[in-house]
Amino acid sequence: MSSATQMQQQTICTKVRVFFDGQCALCRKSVQLLKSVDWLKRLDFVDVRDTSQPLMQHPLLVGAPVLDQMHVLTPDNTRLYGGFAAFRWMAWRLPIFMPLAPFLYLPGVPWLGERVYKWIARNRFRLVPCHDGVCTIQRPEGKRWDN
């Protein structure tokens, strides 16, 4: 059996995998909120800072901007959504957000949602202060998060 097949078998899951920055206070608070409304237990949370996670070697995740924004990997391991698209995808699976989900597709809402999400992601360390230097991100030279 090839290592790719073994990895796929190891990562088969019936839950949506949610990738977040475990050193970010706002990200951790968001995860707490999502866990509290995940009544059907459809989400599985993965800290992207935990390099021991074999799932971080999944082909869709390698090279993805997982420290820049939250991502979801679909249960069939074939699609990765980031930022506003990840939130919109989760909205359909969390009963409390289901009534809101159709509105997230209205003209202009994805455009605005993506910009608001990116602004929050870019400013997350200022919005929820970090303590003891835990929340630090090293951005590659010249990289902007508002692209």
N, C-alpha and C. Protein backbone atom coordinates (compact mmCIF):
# COMPACT_ATOMS: atom_id res chain seq x y z
N MET A 1 0.85 -1.18 0.00
CA MET A 1 0.00 0.00 0.00
C MET A 1 0.90 1.23 0.00
N SER A 2 0.58 2.20 -0.84
CA SER A 2 1.41 3.41 -0.93
C SER A 2 1.23 4.28 0.31
N SER A 3 2.22 5.13 0.57
CA SER A 3 2.12 6.02 1.74
C SER A 3 0.99 7.02 1.58
N ALA A 4 0.69 7.43 0.34
CA ALA A 4 -0.43 8.35 0.10
C ALA A 4 -1.75 7.69 0.47
N THR A 5 -1.90 6.40 0.11
CA THR A 5 -3.12 5.67 0.45
C THR A 5 -3.21 5.49 1.96
N GLN A 6 -2.07 5.19 2.60
CA GLN A 6 -2.08 5.05 4.05
C GLN A 6 -2.48 6.35 4.72
N MET A 7 -1.94 7.49 4.23
CA MET A 7 -2.27 8.78 4.82
C MET A 7 -3.76 9.07 4.65
N GLN A 8 -4.31 8.76 3.46
CA GLN A 8 -5.72 9.02 3.23
C GLN A 8 -6.56 8.17 4.17
N GLN A 9 -6.19 6.91 4.37
CA GLN A 9 -6.94 6.05 5.27
C GLN A 9 -6.83 6.55 6.71
N GLN A 10 -5.66 7.04 7.09
CA GLN A 10 -5.47 7.54 8.45
C GLN A 10 -6.28 8.81 8.69
N THR A 11 -6.51 9.58 7.65
CA THR A 11 -7.16 10.87 7.84
C THR A 11 -8.65 10.84 7.51
N ILE A 12 -9.20 9.66 7.14
CA ILE A 12 -10.63 9.58 6.89
C ILE A 12 -11.36 9.90 8.19
N CYS A 13 -12.31 10.78 8.08
CA CYS A 13 -13.01 11.25 9.27
C CYS A 13 -14.42 11.62 8.84
N THR A 14 -15.36 11.46 9.73
CA THR A 14 -16.73 11.86 9.42
C THR A 14 -16.98 13.29 9.84
N LYS A 15 -16.01 13.91 10.48
CA LYS A 15 -16.17 15.28 10.94
C LYS A 15 -15.45 16.26 10.03
N VAL A 16 -15.87 17.49 10.11
CA VAL A 16 -15.18 18.58 9.42
C VAL A 16 -13.97 18.94 10.28
N ARG A 17 -12.82 19.01 9.68
CA ARG A 17 -11.63 19.40 10.42
C ARG A 17 -11.47 20.91 10.31
N VAL A 18 -11.35 21.56 11.45
CA VAL A 18 -11.19 23.01 11.51
C VAL A 18 -9.77 23.30 11.97
N PHE A 19 -9.01 23.99 11.13
CA PHE A 19 -7.61 24.30 11.42
C PHE A 19 -7.52 25.73 11.91
N PHE A 20 -6.86 25.91 13.06
CA PHE A 20 -6.77 27.24 13.68
C PHE A 20 -5.39 27.41 14.29
N ASP A 21 -5.05 28.67 14.58
CA ASP A 21 -3.78 29.02 15.20
C ASP A 21 -3.94 28.93 16.72
N GLY A 22 -3.37 27.89 17.31
CA GLY A 22 -3.50 27.66 18.75
C GLY A 22 -2.77 28.67 19.61
N GLN A 23 -1.94 29.53 19.02
CA GLN A 23 -1.25 30.55 19.80
C GLN A 23 -1.96 31.90 19.72
N CYS A 24 -3.08 31.94 19.05
CA CYS A 24 -3.83 33.18 18.88
C CYS A 24 -5.02 33.17 19.83
N ALA A 25 -5.09 34.18 20.70
CA ALA A 25 -6.17 34.24 21.69
C ALA A 25 -7.54 34.35 21.02
N LEU A 26 -7.66 35.16 19.98
CA LEU A 26 -8.94 35.29 19.27
C LEU A 26 -9.33 33.97 18.61
N CYS A 27 -8.36 33.28 18.04
CA CYS A 27 -8.63 31.98 17.41
C CYS A 27 -9.12 30.97 18.44
N ARG A 28 -8.46 30.94 19.60
CA ARG A 28 -8.88 30.01 20.66
C ARG A 28 -10.27 30.35 21.16
N LYS A 29 -10.59 31.64 21.29
CA LYS A 29 -11.94 32.04 21.70
C LYS A 29 -12.97 31.65 20.64
N SER A 30 -12.60 31.79 19.38
CA SER A 30 -13.50 31.38 18.29
C SER A 30 -13.76 29.87 18.35
N VAL A 31 -12.73 29.10 18.63
CA VAL A 31 -12.88 27.65 18.75
C VAL A 31 -13.80 27.32 19.92
N GLN A 32 -13.63 28.01 21.05
CA GLN A 32 -14.52 27.78 22.19
C GLN A 32 -15.97 28.04 21.81
N LEU A 33 -16.20 29.13 21.10
CA LEU A 33 -17.56 29.47 20.66
C LEU A 33 -18.10 28.38 19.72
N LEU A 34 -17.30 27.99 18.75
CA LEU A 34 -17.74 26.96 17.80
C LEU A 34 -18.03 25.64 18.52
N LYS A 35 -17.20 25.26 19.48
CA LYS A 35 -17.45 24.04 20.24
C LYS A 35 -18.77 24.13 21.01
N SER A 36 -19.06 25.31 21.54
CA SER A 36 -20.28 25.47 22.34
C SER A 36 -21.55 25.38 21.49
N VAL A 37 -21.47 25.68 20.19
CA VAL A 37 -22.65 25.60 19.33
C VAL A 37 -22.62 24.38 18.41
N ASP A 38 -21.61 23.55 18.54
CA ASP A 38 -21.51 22.33 17.74
C ASP A 38 -22.25 21.21 18.45
N TRP A 39 -23.55 21.35 18.56
CA TRP A 39 -24.38 20.41 19.31
C TRP A 39 -24.38 19.02 18.70
N LEU A 40 -24.17 18.93 17.40
CA LEU A 40 -24.18 17.63 16.72
C LEU A 40 -22.78 17.02 16.62
N LYS A 41 -21.81 17.69 17.20
CA LYS A 41 -20.41 17.22 17.23
C LYS A 41 -19.89 16.90 15.82
N ARG A 42 -20.03 17.87 14.93
CA ARG A 42 -19.60 17.69 13.54
C ARG A 42 -18.20 18.25 13.27
N LEU A 43 -17.65 19.00 14.23
CA LEU A 43 -16.37 19.64 14.01
C LEU A 43 -15.27 18.99 14.84
N ASP A 44 -14.10 18.92 14.25
CA ASP A 44 -12.91 18.41 14.92
C ASP A 44 -11.84 19.50 14.75
N PHE A 45 -11.26 19.99 15.83
CA PHE A 45 -10.36 21.13 15.77
C PHE A 45 -8.90 20.70 15.80
N VAL A 46 -8.11 21.33 14.93
CA VAL A 46 -6.69 20.98 14.79
C VAL A 46 -5.87 22.27 14.92
N ASP A 47 -4.98 22.28 15.88
CA ASP A 47 -4.07 23.41 16.08
C ASP A 47 -2.94 23.29 15.05
N VAL A 48 -2.85 24.26 14.14
CA VAL A 48 -1.83 24.19 13.08
C VAL A 48 -0.43 24.38 13.62
N ARG A 49 -0.30 24.85 14.84
CA ARG A 49 1.03 25.02 15.45
C ARG A 49 1.57 23.69 15.98
N ASP A 50 0.71 22.68 16.08
CA ASP A 50 1.13 21.37 16.55
C ASP A 50 1.73 20.59 15.38
N THR A 51 3.03 20.67 15.23
CA THR A 51 3.70 20.06 14.09
C THR A 51 3.70 18.53 14.13
N SER A 52 3.28 17.95 15.26
CA SER A 52 3.22 16.49 15.34
C SER A 52 1.97 15.94 14.65
N GLN A 53 1.06 16.80 14.25
CA GLN A 53 -0.16 16.38 13.58
C GLN A 53 0.16 15.85 12.18
N PRO A 54 -0.03 14.55 11.92
CA PRO A 54 0.25 14.03 10.58
C PRO A 54 -0.66 14.66 9.53
N LEU A 55 -1.81 15.10 9.93
CA LEU A 55 -2.75 15.72 9.00
C LEU A 55 -2.19 16.98 8.37
N MET A 56 -1.23 17.62 9.03
CA MET A 56 -0.64 18.84 8.48
C MET A 56 0.16 18.55 7.21
N GLN A 57 0.41 17.28 6.91
CA GLN A 57 1.11 16.91 5.68
C GLN A 57 0.14 16.60 4.54
N HIS A 58 -1.16 16.76 4.79
CA HIS A 58 -2.16 16.52 3.75
C HIS A 58 -1.85 17.44 2.56
N PRO A 59 -1.90 16.94 1.34
CA PRO A 59 -1.54 17.74 0.17
C PRO A 59 -2.28 19.07 0.05
N LEU A 60 -3.54 19.13 0.48
CA LEU A 60 -4.28 20.39 0.40
C LEU A 60 -3.79 21.42 1.43
N LEU A 61 -3.20 20.94 2.52
CA LEU A 61 -2.75 21.84 3.58
C LEU A 61 -1.33 22.34 3.37
N VAL A 62 -0.51 21.53 2.72
CA VAL A 62 0.88 21.93 2.50
C VAL A 62 0.88 23.18 1.61
N GLY A 63 1.42 24.24 2.14
CA GLY A 63 1.48 25.50 1.39
C GLY A 63 0.25 26.39 1.56
N ALA A 64 -0.81 25.89 2.21
CA ALA A 64 -2.00 26.71 2.45
C ALA A 64 -1.68 27.73 3.55
N PRO A 65 -2.28 28.91 3.51
CA PRO A 65 -2.00 29.95 4.51
C PRO A 65 -2.73 29.70 5.83
N VAL A 66 -2.43 28.55 6.46
CA VAL A 66 -3.17 28.14 7.65
C VAL A 66 -2.91 29.03 8.87
N LEU A 67 -1.82 29.78 8.88
CA LEU A 67 -1.60 30.71 9.99
C LEU A 67 -2.27 32.05 9.73
N ASP A 68 -2.66 32.31 8.50
CA ASP A 68 -3.28 33.59 8.16
C ASP A 68 -4.78 33.59 8.45
N GLN A 69 -5.41 32.43 8.34
CA GLN A 69 -6.86 32.36 8.53
C GLN A 69 -7.28 30.94 8.87
N MET A 70 -8.44 30.81 9.48
CA MET A 70 -8.99 29.50 9.80
C MET A 70 -9.33 28.77 8.50
N HIS A 71 -9.17 27.46 8.51
CA HIS A 71 -9.49 26.63 7.35
C HIS A 71 -10.34 25.44 7.79
N VAL A 72 -11.13 24.92 6.86
CA VAL A 72 -11.84 23.66 7.09
C VAL A 72 -11.49 22.69 5.98
N LEU A 73 -11.29 21.44 6.37
CA LEU A 73 -11.08 20.34 5.43
C LEU A 73 -12.33 19.50 5.48
N THR A 74 -12.95 19.29 4.33
CA THR A 74 -14.20 18.55 4.27
C THR A 74 -13.98 17.10 4.71
N PRO A 75 -15.02 16.44 5.22
CA PRO A 75 -14.87 15.07 5.72
C PRO A 75 -14.33 14.10 4.68
N ASP A 76 -14.59 14.36 3.39
CA ASP A 76 -14.07 13.46 2.36
C ASP A 76 -12.63 13.79 1.97
N ASN A 77 -12.03 14.77 2.64
CA ASN A 77 -10.62 15.17 2.44
C ASN A 77 -10.32 15.67 1.03
N THR A 78 -11.32 16.20 0.33
CA THR A 78 -11.10 16.63 -1.04
C THR A 78 -11.15 18.14 -1.23
N ARG A 79 -11.67 18.89 -0.24
CA ARG A 79 -11.77 20.33 -0.40
C ARG A 79 -11.31 21.04 0.87
N LEU A 80 -10.60 22.13 0.67
CA LEU A 80 -10.12 22.97 1.77
C LEU A 80 -10.67 24.37 1.55
N TYR A 81 -11.35 24.90 2.56
CA TYR A 81 -11.89 26.25 2.49
C TYR A 81 -11.22 27.10 3.56
N GLY A 82 -10.93 28.35 3.23
CA GLY A 82 -10.29 29.25 4.19
C GLY A 82 -11.07 30.52 4.38
N GLY A 83 -10.88 31.15 5.53
CA GLY A 83 -11.46 32.45 5.81
C GLY A 83 -12.98 32.44 5.81
N PHE A 84 -13.57 33.43 5.12
CA PHE A 84 -15.02 33.57 5.07
C PHE A 84 -15.66 32.32 4.47
N ALA A 85 -15.03 31.74 3.45
CA ALA A 85 -15.58 30.52 2.83
C ALA A 85 -15.65 29.38 3.85
N ALA A 86 -14.68 29.30 4.75
CA ALA A 86 -14.69 28.28 5.79
C ALA A 86 -15.85 28.52 6.75
N PHE A 87 -16.04 29.78 7.15
CA PHE A 87 -17.15 30.10 8.04
C PHE A 87 -18.48 29.76 7.36
N ARG A 88 -18.61 30.14 6.09
CA ARG A 88 -19.84 29.89 5.36
C ARG A 88 -20.11 28.38 5.26
N TRP A 89 -19.05 27.59 5.02
CA TRP A 89 -19.21 26.15 4.93
C TRP A 89 -19.67 25.57 6.26
N MET A 90 -19.08 26.06 7.37
CA MET A 90 -19.47 25.58 8.70
C MET A 90 -20.89 25.99 9.05
N ALA A 91 -21.33 27.15 8.58
CA ALA A 91 -22.66 27.66 8.92
C ALA A 91 -23.76 26.66 8.54
N TRP A 92 -23.58 25.95 7.44
CA TRP A 92 -24.57 24.96 7.02
C TRP A 92 -24.60 23.74 7.95
N ARG A 93 -23.57 23.53 8.74
CA ARG A 93 -23.46 22.34 9.56
C ARG A 93 -23.71 22.58 11.04
N LEU A 94 -23.88 23.83 11.42
CA LEU A 94 -24.15 24.17 12.82
C LEU A 94 -25.59 24.70 12.92
N PRO A 95 -26.47 23.97 13.60
CA PRO A 95 -27.89 24.34 13.62
C PRO A 95 -28.16 25.81 13.95
N ILE A 96 -27.40 26.40 14.84
CA ILE A 96 -27.66 27.78 15.23
C ILE A 96 -27.38 28.76 14.08
N PHE A 97 -26.46 28.40 13.18
CA PHE A 97 -26.12 29.27 12.05
C PHE A 97 -26.86 28.92 10.76
N MET A 98 -27.55 27.78 10.72
CA MET A 98 -28.23 27.36 9.49
C MET A 98 -29.20 28.40 8.94
N PRO A 99 -29.99 29.09 9.78
CA PRO A 99 -30.88 30.11 9.21
C PRO A 99 -30.12 31.26 8.55
N LEU A 100 -28.91 31.53 8.99
CA LEU A 100 -28.08 32.59 8.43
C LEU A 100 -27.37 32.17 7.14
N ALA A 101 -27.11 30.88 6.99
CA ALA A 101 -26.29 30.37 5.88
C ALA A 101 -26.74 30.84 4.50
N PRO A 102 -28.02 30.79 4.14
CA PRO A 102 -28.41 31.23 2.78
C PRO A 102 -28.07 32.70 2.50
N PHE A 103 -28.12 33.53 3.51
CA PHE A 103 -27.83 34.95 3.34
C PHE A 103 -26.35 35.21 3.04
N LEU A 104 -25.50 34.25 3.40
CA LEU A 104 -24.07 34.40 3.17
C LEU A 104 -23.70 34.26 1.68
N TYR A 105 -24.70 33.94 0.85
CA TYR A 105 -24.49 33.80 -0.60
C TYR A 105 -25.11 34.93 -1.40
N LEU A 106 -25.80 35.84 -0.73
CA LEU A 106 -26.43 36.96 -1.44
C LEU A 106 -25.37 37.81 -2.14
N PRO A 107 -25.73 38.42 -3.25
CA PRO A 107 -24.76 39.27 -3.95
C PRO A 107 -24.15 40.32 -3.03
N GLY A 108 -22.85 40.40 -3.06
CA GLY A 108 -22.12 41.36 -2.24
C GLY A 108 -21.70 40.83 -0.88
N VAL A 109 -22.42 39.88 -0.35
CA VAL A 109 -22.09 39.36 0.99
C VAL A 109 -20.75 38.62 0.99
N PRO A 110 -20.47 37.74 0.03
CA PRO A 110 -19.15 37.09 0.03
C PRO A 110 -18.01 38.11 -0.09
N TRP A 111 -18.18 39.11 -0.92
CA TRP A 111 -17.15 40.14 -1.10
C TRP A 111 -16.90 40.86 0.23
N LEU A 112 -17.99 41.31 0.87
CA LEU A 112 -17.87 42.02 2.14
C LEU A 112 -17.37 41.08 3.24
N GLY A 113 -17.91 39.87 3.29
CA GLY A 113 -17.52 38.90 4.31
C GLY A 113 -16.04 38.58 4.25
N GLU A 114 -15.52 38.42 3.04
CA GLU A 114 -14.10 38.12 2.88
C GLU A 114 -13.23 39.28 3.37
N ARG A 115 -13.64 40.50 3.05
CA ARG A 115 -12.86 41.66 3.49
C ARG A 115 -12.91 41.85 5.00
N VAL A 116 -14.09 41.65 5.59
CA VAL A 116 -14.21 41.75 7.06
C VAL A 116 -13.38 40.65 7.72
N TYR A 117 -13.49 39.43 7.19
CA TYR A 117 -12.73 38.32 7.76
C TYR A 117 -11.23 38.60 7.69
N LYS A 118 -10.75 39.06 6.54
CA LYS A 118 -9.31 39.34 6.39
C LYS A 118 -8.86 40.46 7.32
N TRP A 119 -9.71 41.48 7.51
CA TRP A 119 -9.35 42.57 8.42
C TRP A 119 -9.21 42.03 9.85
N ILE A 120 -10.17 41.22 10.26
CA ILE A 120 -10.11 40.64 11.61
C ILE A 120 -8.88 39.75 11.75
N ALA A 121 -8.63 38.91 10.75
CA ALA A 121 -7.46 38.01 10.80
C ALA A 121 -6.17 38.80 10.88
N ARG A 122 -6.09 39.87 10.11
CA ARG A 122 -4.88 40.69 10.07
C ARG A 122 -4.66 41.42 11.40
N ASN A 123 -5.72 41.74 12.09
CA ASN A 123 -5.64 42.52 13.33
C ASN A 123 -5.94 41.70 14.59
N ARG A 124 -5.96 40.40 14.46
CA ARG A 124 -6.40 39.56 15.57
C ARG A 124 -5.55 39.68 16.82
N PHE A 125 -4.27 39.95 16.68
CA PHE A 125 -3.42 40.05 17.86
C PHE A 125 -3.64 41.37 18.59
N ARG A 126 -4.20 42.35 17.91
CA ARG A 126 -4.55 43.62 18.56
C ARG A 126 -5.95 43.57 19.15
N LEU A 127 -6.85 42.82 18.52
CA LEU A 127 -8.24 42.74 18.97
C LEU A 127 -8.35 41.99 20.29
N VAL A 128 -7.62 40.90 20.41
CA VAL A 128 -7.58 40.13 21.66
C VAL A 128 -6.11 40.02 22.01
N PRO A 129 -5.68 40.82 22.97
CA PRO A 129 -4.24 40.89 23.29
C PRO A 129 -3.65 39.54 23.70
N CYS A 130 -2.40 39.37 23.35
CA CYS A 130 -1.65 38.18 23.72
C CYS A 130 -0.92 38.45 25.03
N HIS A 131 -0.58 37.38 25.70
CA HIS A 131 0.12 37.50 26.98
C HIS A 131 1.41 36.70 26.94
N ASP A 132 2.43 37.23 27.53
CA ASP A 132 3.72 36.56 27.65
C ASP A 132 4.33 36.20 26.30
N GLY A 133 4.04 36.96 25.28
CA GLY A 133 4.64 36.73 23.97
C GLY A 133 4.18 35.46 23.27
N VAL A 134 3.07 34.86 23.73
CA VAL A 134 2.59 33.61 23.15
C VAL A 134 2.10 33.82 21.73
N CYS A 135 1.44 34.93 21.48
CA CYS A 135 0.84 35.17 20.17
C CYS A 135 1.79 35.94 19.27
N THR A 136 2.59 35.22 18.56
CA THR A 136 3.46 35.87 17.59
C THR A 136 3.40 35.10 16.30
N ILE A 137 3.43 35.84 15.22
CA ILE A 137 3.43 35.22 13.90
C ILE A 137 4.57 35.84 13.14
N GLN A 138 5.34 35.03 12.49
CA GLN A 138 6.40 35.53 11.64
C GLN A 138 5.88 35.50 10.22
N ARG A 139 5.70 36.68 9.62
CA ARG A 139 5.26 36.76 8.23
C ARG A 139 6.47 36.82 7.33
N PRO A 140 6.42 36.14 6.19
CA PRO A 140 7.52 36.26 5.24
C PRO A 140 7.66 37.71 4.81
N GLU A 141 8.89 38.11 4.52
CA GLU A 141 9.15 39.48 4.08
C GLU A 141 8.25 39.88 2.93
N GLY A 142 7.67 41.05 3.04
CA GLY A 142 6.86 41.60 1.96
C GLY A 142 5.46 41.01 1.84
N LYS A 143 5.10 40.05 2.70
CA LYS A 143 3.78 39.44 2.60
C LYS A 143 2.75 40.31 3.31
N ARG A 144 1.64 40.55 2.63
CA ARG A 144 0.53 41.29 3.22
C ARG A 144 -0.63 40.34 3.39
N TRP A 145 -1.37 40.52 4.47
CA TRP A 145 -2.52 39.64 4.75
C TRP A 145 -3.80 40.17 4.11
N ASP A 146 -3.77 41.32 3.52
CA ASP A 146 -5.00 41.88 2.99
C ASP A 146 -5.17 41.60 1.51
N ASN A 147 -4.38 40.68 0.98
CA ASN A 147 -4.51 40.33 -0.45
C ASN A 147 -5.75 39.48 -0.67
